[in-house]
Amino acid sequence: MTGEICQLNTSRGGIPKRGLNPATLTPLGLEGDDWAHPKYHGGPKQALLLIGDEVIEELRGLGYEVFAGALGENLTTRGLDYARLEAGQRFRLGQSCEIELAKLREPCRTLDVYNRAGAEKIQRILKQAGRGGWYARVLQGGPLFTGDRIELAAETV
């Protein structure tokens, strides 16, 4: 299973996160990134949030005004089959980085800003088949660039 990084995203806390290139991956995630609610987000077990660009495109097609970084993800990816991802899978990113998937993200009320009157709640859509993304821990940090490859390194440990 392989994919690529479409965009690297950080913020000083909360959403949206804004793109940058390059970025440095550390044990606590992308350098310069922070969380509005550290009780629920961040830390070494949830250092990164990955979401597929395919999900963002699908949401836009349904009328939601979202873009890369809007959902709070640090890595907007392309090409990974999120329905096949599992906790414990390890991925190589770029030249030297490695991460391990920790858990599915549970979309919260912070995303209410994207809900539209008369439409299904964005959180409900994101709970289907891994669309909400995956939290990951960092096993090996280093430089990351937009366009870097993501490649499955090891199955569930």
C-alpha atoms as a PDB file:
ATOM      1  CA  MET A   1       0.000   0.000   0.000  1.00  0.00           C
ATOM      2  CA  THR A   2       1.501   3.304  -1.096  1.00  0.00           C
ATOM      3  CA  GLY A   3       0.443   6.901  -1.413  1.00  0.00           C
ATOM      4  CA  GLU A   4       1.861  10.392  -1.292  1.00  0.00           C
ATOM      5  CA  ILE A   5       1.726  13.503   0.863  1.00  0.00           C
ATOM      6  CA  CYS A   6      -0.379  16.125  -0.935  1.00  0.00           C
ATOM      7  CA  GLN A   7       0.018  18.746   1.773  1.00  0.00           C
ATOM      8  CA  LEU A   8       1.729  19.183   5.153  1.00  0.00           C
ATOM      9  CA  ASN A   9      -0.407  21.194   7.609  1.00  0.00           C
ATOM     10  CA  THR A  10       0.120  22.980  10.929  1.00  0.00           C
ATOM     11  CA  SER A  11      -1.607  25.552  13.110  1.00  0.00           C
ATOM     12  CA  ARG A  12      -1.032  27.275  16.422  1.00  0.00           C
ATOM     13  CA  GLY A  13      -4.088  25.374  17.673  1.00  0.00           C
ATOM     14  CA  GLY A  14      -7.398  24.290  16.197  1.00  0.00           C
ATOM     15  CA  ILE A  15      -8.687  24.324  12.648  1.00  0.00           C
ATOM     16  CA  PRO A  16      -8.012  25.000   9.919  1.00  0.00           C
ATOM     17  CA  LYS A  17      -4.387  24.005   9.618  1.00  0.00           C
ATOM     18  CA  ARG A  18      -2.405  25.715   6.850  1.00  0.00           C
ATOM     19  CA  GLY A  19      -0.031  24.154   4.366  1.00  0.00           C
ATOM     20  CA  LEU A  20       3.729  24.438   4.555  1.00  0.00           C
ATOM     21  CA  ASN A  21       6.632  22.903   2.691  1.00  0.00           C
ATOM     22  CA  PRO A  22       9.005  21.553   3.860  1.00  0.00           C
ATOM     23  CA  ALA A  23       8.274  20.469   7.442  1.00  0.00           C
ATOM     24  CA  THR A  24      10.205  18.709  10.164  1.00  0.00           C
ATOM     25  CA  LEU A  25       8.659  15.651  11.804  1.00  0.00           C
ATOM     26  CA  THR A  26       9.428  15.315  15.526  1.00  0.00           C
ATOM     27  CA  PRO A  27       8.241  12.841  18.209  1.00  0.00           C
ATOM     28  CA  LEU A  28       5.328  15.235  18.900  1.00  0.00           C
ATOM     29  CA  GLY A  29       4.369  15.768  15.255  1.00  0.00           C
ATOM     30  CA  LEU A  30       5.176  18.492  12.769  1.00  0.00           C
ATOM     31  CA  GLU A  31       7.387  21.205  14.176  1.00  0.00           C
ATOM     32  CA  GLY A  32       5.326  24.342  14.872  1.00  0.00           C
ATOM     33  CA  ASP A  33       2.001  22.512  15.179  1.00  0.00           C
ATOM     34  CA  ASP A  34      -0.139  22.845  18.304  1.00  0.00           C
ATOM     35  CA  TRP A  35      -3.576  21.773  19.534  1.00  0.00           C
ATOM     36  CA  ALA A  36      -6.483  23.827  20.838  1.00  0.00           C
ATOM     37  CA  HIS A  37      -7.569  20.974  23.140  1.00  0.00           C
ATOM     38  CA  PRO A  38      -4.457  19.027  24.268  1.00  0.00           C
ATOM     39  CA  LYS A  39      -6.602  16.944  26.630  1.00  0.00           C
ATOM     40  CA  TYR A  40      -8.066  15.252  23.538  1.00  0.00           C
ATOM     41  CA  HIS A  41      -5.500  15.839  20.762  1.00  0.00           C
ATOM     42  CA  GLY A  42      -1.757  15.618  20.327  1.00  0.00           C
ATOM     43  CA  GLY A  43       0.900  14.017  22.465  1.00  0.00           C
ATOM     44  CA  PRO A  44       3.194  11.185  21.394  1.00  0.00           C
ATOM     45  CA  LYS A  45       0.372   8.676  20.712  1.00  0.00           C
ATOM     46  CA  GLN A  46      -1.553  11.153  18.528  1.00  0.00           C
ATOM     47  CA  ALA A  47       1.344  13.157  17.110  1.00  0.00           C
ATOM     48  CA  LEU A  48      -0.079  13.241  13.576  1.00  0.00           C
ATOM     49  CA  LEU A  49      -3.497  13.121  11.966  1.00  0.00           C
ATOM     50  CA  LEU A  50      -3.706  11.733   8.425  1.00  0.00           C
ATOM     51  CA  ILE A  51      -6.718  12.242   6.142  1.00  0.00           C
ATOM     52  CA  GLY A  52      -7.108  11.370   2.476  1.00  0.00           C
ATOM     53  CA  ASP A  53      -7.496  14.072  -0.148  1.00  0.00           C
ATOM     54  CA  GLU A  54     -10.108  11.765  -1.672  1.00  0.00           C
ATOM     55  CA  VAL A  55     -12.327  12.367   1.387  1.00  0.00           C
ATOM     56  CA  ILE A  56     -11.914  16.128   1.094  1.00  0.00           C
ATOM     57  CA  GLU A  57     -12.863  15.933  -2.602  1.00  0.00           C
ATOM     58  CA  GLU A  58     -15.910  13.800  -1.735  1.00  0.00           C
ATOM     59  CA  LEU A  59     -17.027  16.299   0.917  1.00  0.00           C
ATOM     60  CA  ARG A  60     -16.611  19.195  -1.520  1.00  0.00           C
ATOM     61  CA  GLY A  61     -18.737  17.268  -3.994  1.00  0.00           C
ATOM     62  CA  LEU A  62     -21.447  17.080  -1.325  1.00  0.00           C
ATOM     63  CA  GLY A  63     -21.309  20.855  -0.875  1.00  0.00           C
ATOM     64  CA  TYR A  64     -19.087  21.164   2.222  1.00  0.00           C
ATOM     65  CA  GLU A  65     -16.596  24.048   2.067  1.00  0.00           C
ATOM     66  CA  VAL A  66     -13.470  22.109   3.021  1.00  0.00           C
ATOM     67  CA  PHE A  67      -9.895  22.055   1.735  1.00  0.00           C
ATOM     68  CA  ALA A  68      -6.581  20.406   2.635  1.00  0.00           C
ATOM     69  CA  GLY A  69      -5.958  21.168   6.321  1.00  0.00           C
ATOM     70  CA  ALA A  70      -9.564  22.198   7.043  1.00  0.00           C
ATOM     71  CA  LEU A  71     -10.333  19.008   8.964  1.00  0.00           C
ATOM     72  CA  GLY A  72      -7.335  19.433  11.252  1.00  0.00           C
ATOM     73  CA  GLU A  73      -5.092  16.914   9.535  1.00  0.00           C
ATOM     74  CA  ASN A  74      -1.332  17.273   9.542  1.00  0.00           C
ATOM     75  CA  LEU A  75      -0.847  15.093   6.478  1.00  0.00           C
ATOM     76  CA  THR A  76      -3.274  15.311   3.601  1.00  0.00           C
ATOM     77  CA  THR A  77      -2.555  12.145   1.636  1.00  0.00           C
ATOM     78  CA  ARG A  78      -3.493  10.709  -1.740  1.00  0.00           C
ATOM     79  CA  GLY A  79      -3.644   7.067  -2.764  1.00  0.00           C
ATOM     80  CA  LEU A  80      -3.989   5.290   0.600  1.00  0.00           C
ATOM     81  CA  ASP A  81      -7.049   3.078   1.095  1.00  0.00           C
ATOM     82  CA  TYR A  82      -8.202   4.263   4.525  1.00  0.00           C
ATOM     83  CA  ALA A  83     -10.751   1.428   4.751  1.00  0.00           C
ATOM     84  CA  ARG A  84      -7.790  -1.022   4.837  1.00  0.00           C
ATOM     85  CA  LEU A  85      -5.722   0.790   7.468  1.00  0.00           C
ATOM     86  CA  GLU A  86      -5.307  -0.755  10.929  1.00  0.00           C
ATOM     87  CA  ALA A  87      -3.793   0.269  14.224  1.00  0.00           C
ATOM     88  CA  GLY A  88      -0.187  -0.905  14.430  1.00  0.00           C
ATOM     89  CA  GLN A  89       0.624  -0.591  10.728  1.00  0.00           C
ATOM     90  CA  ARG A  90       3.916   1.191  10.146  1.00  0.00           C
ATOM     91  CA  PHE A  91       4.578   3.524   7.238  1.00  0.00           C
ATOM     92  CA  ARG A  92       7.751   5.062   5.824  1.00  0.00           C
ATOM     93  CA  LEU A  93       7.398   8.708   4.800  1.00  0.00           C
ATOM     94  CA  GLY A  94       9.886  10.435   2.547  1.00  0.00           C
ATOM     95  CA  GLN A  95      13.545   9.547   2.928  1.00  0.00           C
ATOM     96  CA  SER A  96      13.841   8.806   6.634  1.00  0.00           C
ATOM     97  CA  CYS A  97      10.599   9.148   8.602  1.00  0.00           C
ATOM     98  CA  GLU A  98       8.499   6.342  10.029  1.00  0.00           C
ATOM     99  CA  ILE A  99       5.117   6.398  11.760  1.00  0.00           C
ATOM    100  CA  GLU A 100       2.790   3.846  13.338  1.00  0.00           C
ATOM    101  CA  LEU A 101      -0.988   4.147  13.118  1.00  0.00           C
ATOM    102  CA  ALA A 102      -2.453   4.424  16.608  1.00  0.00           C
ATOM    103  CA  LYS A 103      -6.224   4.855  16.319  1.00  0.00           C
ATOM    104  CA  LEU A 104      -9.076   6.117  14.204  1.00  0.00           C
ATOM    105  CA  ARG A 105      -9.963   9.737  14.726  1.00  0.00           C
ATOM    106  CA  GLU A 106     -13.374  10.378  16.285  1.00  0.00           C
ATOM    107  CA  PRO A 107     -14.679  13.551  14.568  1.00  0.00           C
ATOM    108  CA  CYS A 108     -15.831  16.095  17.162  1.00  0.00           C
ATOM    109  CA  ARG A 109     -17.943  19.253  17.441  1.00  0.00           C
ATOM    110  CA  THR A 110     -15.020  21.425  16.325  1.00  0.00           C
ATOM    111  CA  LEU A 111     -16.010  20.429  12.783  1.00  0.00           C
ATOM    112  CA  ASP A 112     -19.508  21.959  13.245  1.00  0.00           C
ATOM    113  CA  VAL A 113     -18.216  25.075  11.439  1.00  0.00           C
ATOM    114  CA  TYR A 114     -18.489  23.090   8.194  1.00  0.00           C
ATOM    115  CA  ASN A 115     -22.033  21.794   8.739  1.00  0.00           C
ATOM    116  CA  ARG A 116     -24.793  23.187   6.547  1.00  0.00           C
ATOM    117  CA  ALA A 117     -28.498  23.586   7.342  1.00  0.00           C
ATOM    118  CA  GLY A 118     -30.487  20.689   5.942  1.00  0.00           C
ATOM    119  CA  ALA A 119     -27.422  18.553   5.194  1.00  0.00           C
ATOM    120  CA  GLU A 120     -26.051  15.515   6.959  1.00  0.00           C
ATOM    121  CA  LYS A 121     -23.562  16.396   9.707  1.00  0.00           C
ATOM    122  CA  ILE A 122     -19.994  16.233   8.457  1.00  0.00           C
ATOM    123  CA  GLN A 123     -19.037  14.221  11.555  1.00  0.00           C
ATOM    124  CA  ARG A 124     -21.459  11.435  10.568  1.00  0.00           C
ATOM    125  CA  ILE A 125     -19.963  11.208   7.076  1.00  0.00           C
ATOM    126  CA  LEU A 126     -16.416  11.150   8.475  1.00  0.00           C
ATOM    127  CA  LYS A 127     -17.219   8.228  10.818  1.00  0.00           C
ATOM    128  CA  GLN A 128     -17.805   5.935   7.830  1.00  0.00           C
ATOM    129  CA  ALA A 129     -14.998   3.581   6.672  1.00  0.00           C
ATOM    130  CA  GLY A 130     -12.068   5.472   8.175  1.00  0.00           C
ATOM    131  CA  ARG A 131     -12.898   8.748   6.423  1.00  0.00           C
ATOM    132  CA  GLY A 132     -12.236  10.755   9.605  1.00  0.00           C
ATOM    133  CA  GLY A 133      -8.564   9.856   9.436  1.00  0.00           C
ATOM    134  CA  TRP A 134      -5.981   8.124  11.559  1.00  0.00           C
ATOM    135  CA  TYR A 135      -3.825   9.313  14.430  1.00  0.00           C
ATOM    136  CA  ALA A 136      -0.227   8.127  14.325  1.00  0.00           C
ATOM    137  CA  ARG A 137       2.816   8.090  16.584  1.00  0.00           C
ATOM    138  CA  VAL A 138       6.216   9.069  15.234  1.00  0.00           C
ATOM    139  CA  LEU A 139       8.846   6.321  15.297  1.00  0.00           C
ATOM    140  CA  GLN A 140      11.507   8.213  13.320  1.00  0.00           C
ATOM    141  CA  GLY A 141      11.445  11.939  12.622  1.00  0.00           C
ATOM    142  CA  GLY A 142      13.155  14.006   9.974  1.00  0.00           C
ATOM    143  CA  PRO A 143      12.391  16.261   7.014  1.00  0.00           C
ATOM    144  CA  LEU A 144       9.152  15.896   5.037  1.00  0.00           C
ATOM    145  CA  PHE A 145       8.156  17.465   1.739  1.00  0.00           C
ATOM    146  CA  THR A 146       4.948  17.789  -0.241  1.00  0.00           C
ATOM    147  CA  GLY A 147       4.987  14.954  -2.774  1.00  0.00           C
ATOM    148  CA  ASP A 148       6.893  12.561  -0.503  1.00  0.00           C
ATOM    149  CA  ARG A 149       5.922   8.920  -0.812  1.00  0.00           C
ATOM    150  CA  ILE A 150       4.091   7.042   1.968  1.00  0.00           C
ATOM    151  CA  GLU A 151       4.739   3.307   1.918  1.00  0.00           C
ATOM    152  CA  LEU A 152       3.566   0.498   4.169  1.00  0.00           C
ATOM    153  CA  ALA A 153       6.650  -0.729   6.042  1.00  0.00           C
ATOM    154  CA  ALA A 154       5.099  -3.352   8.339  1.00  0.00           C
ATOM    155  CA  GLU A 155       1.694  -4.826   9.022  1.00  0.00           C
ATOM    156  CA  THR A 156       0.034  -4.717  12.421  1.00  0.00           C
ATOM    157  CA  VAL A 157       2.519  -5.315  15.247  1.00  0.00           C
END
